[in-house]
Amino acid sequence: MEAIERDAILLRLIKSMGERGGWCGETHVQKSAYFLQELYRVPLGLTFILYKYGPYSFDLSDELVSMQWKAWIELIARPFPYRPSLSVGPLGNRVIERSQPLLQSYVTQIDSVAECFATMKVAELERYATALMVLLEKPGRNSFEMVEVLRRLKPHIEPHDAFGAVTFVEDLRSALSRGKAAC
């Protein structure tokens, strides 16, 4: 996928999350892009690694800085101790408008991810995205094995929260495989 195509998809994702009342900080975009690529099969071409708050892409972080520099996205200041939110600016909206043929191919996935994850708290996003990473790393694991691995990777996650994250991701994956709306 070309960089401009990826940017258009990411801009549409940020806009869609904002329209749903999402915080839309970088962590939200990181985790939502991870789900969009890995579970919803939108070929963003990003490399994710397990990092402090779950799957993280340095490439995506660089891309967001680049989009800020181009004035495609804007930072919205939030009161201390919160970090800023991202919002699509007028130039970013023009990129979205010009990319409609491409975006039509992915609008269902983008809107579904935004609907699912836009208003979640960062701790939830960390659990769910890490659970997906664990599932994709070795798909044959049963739920209890996945919870064990998730807790080993993220010991601060309580057992019941880890089990809830694994269940959420398994249910989401199952719904998507049946062509059902997720979340």
Protein backbone atom coordinates (compact mmCIF):
# COMPACT_ATOMS: atom_id res chain seq x y z
CA MET A 1 0.00 0.00 0.00
CA GLU A 2 1.27 3.47 -0.91
CA ALA A 3 1.93 5.93 1.93
CA ILE A 4 -0.80 8.32 0.73
CA GLU A 5 -3.33 5.48 0.71
CA ARG A 6 -2.35 4.44 4.22
CA ASP A 7 -2.57 8.07 5.34
CA ALA A 8 -6.06 8.41 3.87
CA ILE A 9 -7.22 5.30 5.74
CA LEU A 10 -5.65 6.53 8.99
CA LEU A 11 -7.20 9.98 8.53
CA ARG A 12 -10.61 8.39 7.96
CA LEU A 13 -10.10 6.25 11.08
CA ILE A 14 -9.18 9.29 13.21
CA LYS A 15 -12.18 11.20 11.85
CA SER A 16 -14.53 8.27 12.44
CA MET A 17 -13.28 7.83 16.00
CA GLY A 18 -13.75 11.54 16.70
CA GLU A 19 -17.29 11.46 15.30
CA ARG A 20 -18.10 8.72 17.81
CA GLY A 21 -16.88 10.78 20.75
CA GLY A 22 -13.53 9.02 21.07
CA TRP A 23 -10.57 10.53 22.84
CA CYS A 24 -8.42 9.84 19.78
CA GLY A 25 -5.03 10.10 21.42
CA GLU A 26 -2.04 8.38 19.86
CA THR A 27 -2.59 5.25 21.96
CA HIS A 28 -6.17 4.98 20.67
CA VAL A 29 -4.97 5.35 17.09
CA GLN A 30 -2.17 2.82 17.64
CA LYS A 31 -4.48 0.13 19.03
CA SER A 32 -7.29 0.84 16.56
CA ALA A 33 -4.85 0.67 13.63
CA TYR A 34 -3.56 -2.64 15.02
CA PHE A 35 -7.07 -4.11 15.04
CA LEU A 36 -7.80 -2.61 11.63
CA GLN A 37 -4.73 -4.25 10.13
CA GLU A 38 -4.53 -7.55 11.99
CA LEU A 39 -8.15 -8.49 12.59
CA TYR A 40 -10.09 -6.52 9.99
CA ARG A 41 -7.45 -7.24 7.29
CA VAL A 42 -6.90 -3.72 6.03
CA PRO A 43 -3.39 -3.90 4.51
CA LEU A 44 -1.76 -0.90 6.19
CA GLY A 45 1.71 -2.46 6.01
CA LEU A 46 2.64 -1.40 9.54
CA THR A 47 4.97 -3.38 11.79
CA PHE A 48 3.79 -3.72 15.39
CA ILE A 49 5.80 -4.90 18.37
CA LEU A 50 4.78 -5.56 21.96
CA TYR A 51 5.56 -2.38 23.86
CA LYS A 52 4.66 -0.65 27.11
CA TYR A 53 0.90 -0.41 26.45
CA GLY A 54 0.54 -3.36 24.09
CA PRO A 55 1.11 -3.51 20.33
CA TYR A 56 2.89 -0.42 19.06
CA SER A 57 4.16 0.68 15.66
CA PHE A 58 7.05 3.10 15.46
CA ASP A 59 6.22 3.47 11.76
CA LEU A 60 2.71 4.62 12.68
CA SER A 61 4.08 7.03 15.26
CA ASP A 62 6.34 8.55 12.60
CA GLU A 63 3.40 8.68 10.18
CA LEU A 64 1.28 10.61 12.70
CA VAL A 65 4.10 13.12 13.21
CA SER A 66 4.39 13.49 9.44
CA MET A 67 0.64 14.08 9.12
CA GLN A 68 0.89 16.76 11.82
CA TRP A 69 3.75 18.42 9.97
CA LYS A 70 1.65 18.43 6.76
CA ALA A 71 -1.24 19.95 8.77
CA TRP A 72 -3.46 16.96 7.95
CA ILE A 73 -4.08 16.33 11.63
CA GLU A 74 -4.16 18.74 14.51
CA LEU A 75 -3.44 18.32 18.21
CA ILE A 76 -6.19 19.28 20.61
CA ALA A 77 -4.83 20.15 24.03
CA ARG A 78 -6.42 18.38 27.01
CA PRO A 79 -6.17 19.37 30.66
CA PHE A 80 -3.33 17.95 32.75
CA PRO A 81 -2.55 15.04 33.18
CA TYR A 82 -3.99 14.00 29.82
CA ARG A 83 -2.15 14.00 26.53
CA PRO A 84 -3.58 15.72 23.46
CA SER A 85 -6.13 14.25 21.10
CA LEU A 86 -5.77 14.06 17.34
CA SER A 87 -8.27 15.62 14.99
CA VAL A 88 -8.42 15.72 11.20
CA GLY A 89 -7.80 19.24 9.95
CA PRO A 90 -9.11 20.90 6.76
CA LEU A 91 -6.18 19.65 4.66
CA GLY A 92 -6.67 16.12 6.04
CA ASN A 93 -10.34 16.28 5.06
CA ARG A 94 -9.25 17.12 1.52
CA VAL A 95 -7.06 14.00 1.49
CA ILE A 96 -10.07 11.96 2.64
CA GLU A 97 -12.31 13.51 -0.05
CA ARG A 98 -9.77 12.81 -2.80
CA SER A 99 -9.35 9.21 -1.61
CA GLN A 100 -13.01 8.19 -1.67
CA PRO A 101 -12.60 5.40 -4.24
CA LEU A 102 -9.95 3.72 -2.06
CA LEU A 103 -11.81 4.40 1.18
CA GLN A 104 -15.01 2.82 -0.15
CA SER A 105 -13.17 -0.50 -0.09
CA TYR A 106 -12.46 -0.17 3.63
CA VAL A 107 -15.17 2.08 5.07
CA THR A 108 -17.03 -0.80 6.72
CA GLN A 109 -13.90 -2.01 8.51
CA ILE A 110 -12.84 1.52 9.50
CA ASP A 111 -16.26 2.38 10.91
CA SER A 112 -16.52 -0.95 12.71
CA VAL A 113 -13.15 -0.43 14.41
CA ALA A 114 -14.11 3.13 15.35
CA GLU A 115 -17.43 1.92 16.75
CA CYS A 116 -15.71 -0.76 18.83
CA PHE A 117 -12.70 1.09 20.17
CA ALA A 118 -13.16 4.88 19.96
CA THR A 119 -14.55 5.35 23.47
CA MET A 120 -12.56 2.67 25.29
CA LYS A 121 -10.12 3.59 28.00
CA VAL A 122 -6.40 3.06 27.35
CA ALA A 123 -6.23 0.17 29.85
CA GLU A 124 -8.98 -1.67 27.95
CA LEU A 125 -7.27 -1.05 24.63
CA GLU A 126 -4.00 -2.39 26.02
CA ARG A 127 -5.67 -5.60 27.25
CA TYR A 128 -7.64 -6.23 24.06
CA ALA A 129 -4.83 -5.45 21.64
CA THR A 130 -2.33 -7.54 23.62
CA ALA A 131 -4.86 -10.40 23.74
CA LEU A 132 -5.15 -10.21 19.94
CA MET A 133 -1.37 -10.25 19.63
CA VAL A 134 -1.23 -13.37 21.83
CA LEU A 135 -3.98 -15.04 19.77
CA LEU A 136 -2.28 -14.28 16.45
CA GLU A 137 1.14 -15.36 17.69
CA LYS A 138 -0.05 -18.92 18.21
CA PRO A 139 -3.66 -19.43 17.06
CA GLY A 140 -4.06 -22.95 18.49
CA ARG A 141 -3.94 -21.87 22.13
CA ASN A 142 -7.04 -22.34 24.22
CA SER A 143 -8.47 -19.47 26.26
CA PHE A 144 -6.73 -20.45 29.48
CA GLU A 145 -3.35 -20.65 27.78
CA MET A 146 -3.95 -17.25 26.21
CA VAL A 147 -4.82 -15.75 29.60
CA GLU A 148 -1.63 -17.23 31.04
CA VAL A 149 0.52 -15.77 28.27
CA LEU A 150 -1.26 -12.41 28.48
CA ARG A 151 -0.66 -12.26 32.24
CA ARG A 152 2.97 -13.24 31.80
CA LEU A 153 3.45 -10.41 29.29
CA LYS A 154 1.38 -7.93 31.30
CA PRO A 155 1.44 -8.97 34.98
CA HIS A 156 -0.44 -5.83 36.04
CA ILE A 157 -3.57 -7.10 34.27
CA GLU A 158 -5.86 -8.83 36.76
CA PRO A 159 -6.86 -12.42 35.93
CA HIS A 160 -10.55 -11.60 35.40
CA ASP A 161 -9.61 -8.68 33.10
CA ALA A 162 -7.23 -10.91 31.14
CA PHE A 163 -9.94 -13.53 30.73
CA GLY A 164 -12.41 -10.83 29.65
CA ALA A 165 -9.93 -9.52 27.07
CA VAL A 166 -9.30 -12.98 25.64
CA THR A 167 -13.04 -13.68 25.48
CA PHE A 168 -13.70 -10.31 23.82
CA VAL A 169 -11.07 -10.92 21.14
CA GLU A 170 -12.21 -14.50 20.50
CA ASP A 171 -15.85 -13.36 20.20
CA LEU A 172 -14.87 -10.49 17.91
CA ARG A 173 -12.82 -12.76 15.69
CA SER A 174 -15.63 -15.32 15.56
CA ALA A 175 -18.23 -12.68 14.66
CA LEU A 176 -16.04 -11.32 11.89
CA SER A 177 -15.43 -14.78 10.47
CA ARG A 178 -19.21 -15.25 10.24
CA GLY A 179 -19.59 -11.86 8.55
CA LYS A 180 -21.41 -10.41 11.55
CA ALA A 181 -21.05 -6.88 12.81
CA ALA A 182 -18.55 -6.83 15.63
CA CYS A 183 -19.07 -5.06 18.99
